[in-house]
Amino acid sequence: MANSKQARHRARQSTVRNAHNSAQRSRLRTAIKSVRKAIEAGDKNAAMETLSRATGVIDSIADKKVVHKNTASRNKSRLAAAIKSMG
């Protein structure tokens, strides 16, 4: 257990921040899954619409440094490539 007042405060803050970041990562994964689900359904227009919404979520979470910007970019690129390769 933390001994100083500052250490106790930092422990409380890190608990709250961890919960917030976990929720943000969950939003990211959900956005990615929704695009993949649209791709598997085979509807290119729906997949593109879903990707545009997911791109905003991905960028927002990268701006908050919950995930690295290159990770966000890689996810967007792979999803876009998957949509482009659809028939």
Protein backbone atom coordinates (compact mmCIF):
# COMPACT_ATOMS: atom_id res chain seq x y z
CA MET A 1 0.00 0.00 0.00
CA ALA A 2 1.18 3.53 -0.73
CA ASN A 3 2.60 5.30 2.32
CA SER A 4 2.68 9.00 1.44
CA LYS A 5 -0.30 11.22 0.67
CA GLN A 6 1.02 11.82 -2.85
CA ALA A 7 1.46 8.11 -3.51
CA ARG A 8 -2.09 7.37 -2.33
CA HIS A 9 -3.40 10.11 -4.64
CA ARG A 10 -1.43 8.75 -7.61
CA ALA A 11 -2.77 5.25 -6.86
CA ARG A 12 -6.35 6.57 -6.93
CA GLN A 13 -5.68 8.48 -10.13
CA SER A 14 -4.11 5.51 -11.87
CA THR A 15 -7.12 3.32 -11.00
CA VAL A 16 -9.52 5.84 -12.55
CA ARG A 17 -7.28 6.40 -15.59
CA ASN A 18 -6.91 2.64 -16.12
CA ALA A 19 -10.69 2.20 -16.13
CA HIS A 20 -11.10 5.07 -18.60
CA ASN A 21 -8.39 3.78 -20.94
CA SER A 22 -9.85 0.26 -20.80
CA ALA A 23 -13.21 1.63 -21.92
CA GLN A 24 -11.53 3.53 -24.76
CA ARG A 25 -9.68 0.40 -25.93
CA SER A 26 -12.97 -1.48 -25.84
CA ARG A 27 -14.56 1.22 -28.06
CA LEU A 28 -11.63 0.80 -30.47
CA ARG A 29 -12.01 -2.97 -30.67
CA THR A 30 -15.77 -2.69 -31.14
CA ALA A 31 -15.29 -0.21 -34.01
CA ILE A 32 -12.81 -2.53 -35.72
CA LYS A 33 -15.07 -5.55 -35.25
CA SER A 34 -18.04 -3.70 -36.73
CA VAL A 35 -16.07 -2.96 -39.91
CA ARG A 36 -14.88 -6.57 -40.16
CA LYS A 37 -18.45 -7.78 -39.70
CA ALA A 38 -19.62 -5.48 -42.52
CA ILE A 39 -16.82 -6.80 -44.75
CA GLU A 40 -17.82 -10.41 -44.04
CA ALA A 41 -21.44 -9.56 -44.87
CA GLY A 42 -20.22 -8.61 -48.35
CA ASP A 43 -21.90 -5.19 -48.57
CA LYS A 44 -19.17 -2.84 -49.79
CA ASN A 45 -21.18 0.36 -49.30
CA ALA A 46 -22.11 -0.55 -45.73
CA ALA A 47 -18.50 -1.50 -45.04
CA MET A 48 -17.26 1.86 -46.34
CA GLU A 49 -19.81 3.72 -44.22
CA THR A 50 -18.82 1.72 -41.15
CA LEU A 51 -15.14 2.37 -41.86
CA SER A 52 -15.68 6.11 -42.02
CA ARG A 53 -17.35 6.03 -38.59
CA ALA A 54 -14.67 3.72 -37.19
CA THR A 55 -11.91 5.97 -38.53
CA GLY A 56 -13.14 8.78 -36.31
CA VAL A 57 -13.13 6.52 -33.27
CA ILE A 58 -9.67 5.16 -34.08
CA ASP A 59 -8.18 8.62 -34.61
CA SER A 60 -9.79 9.97 -31.45
CA ILE A 61 -8.33 7.18 -29.34
CA ALA A 62 -4.90 7.59 -30.93
CA ASP A 63 -5.01 11.35 -30.21
CA LYS A 64 -5.59 10.53 -26.54
CA LYS A 65 -2.53 8.23 -26.66
CA VAL A 66 -4.51 5.20 -25.52
CA VAL A 67 -2.99 3.38 -28.50
CA HIS A 68 0.05 4.44 -30.51
CA LYS A 69 -0.62 6.49 -33.64
CA ASN A 70 1.10 3.89 -35.82
CA THR A 71 -1.16 1.16 -34.42
CA ALA A 72 -4.19 3.27 -35.28
CA SER A 73 -2.84 3.94 -38.76
CA ARG A 74 -2.14 0.24 -39.31
CA ASN A 75 -5.66 -0.71 -38.27
CA LYS A 76 -7.22 1.86 -40.61
CA SER A 77 -4.97 0.81 -43.48
CA ARG A 78 -5.73 -2.89 -43.12
CA LEU A 79 -9.47 -2.29 -42.90
CA ALA A 80 -9.37 -0.02 -45.97
CA ALA A 81 -7.35 -2.61 -47.90
CA ALA A 82 -9.84 -5.33 -46.95
CA ILE A 83 -12.72 -3.21 -48.24
CA LYS A 84 -10.83 -2.37 -51.43
CA SER A 85 -10.22 -6.06 -52.12
CA MET A 86 -13.94 -6.83 -51.93
CA GLY A 87 -15.53 -7.91 -55.20
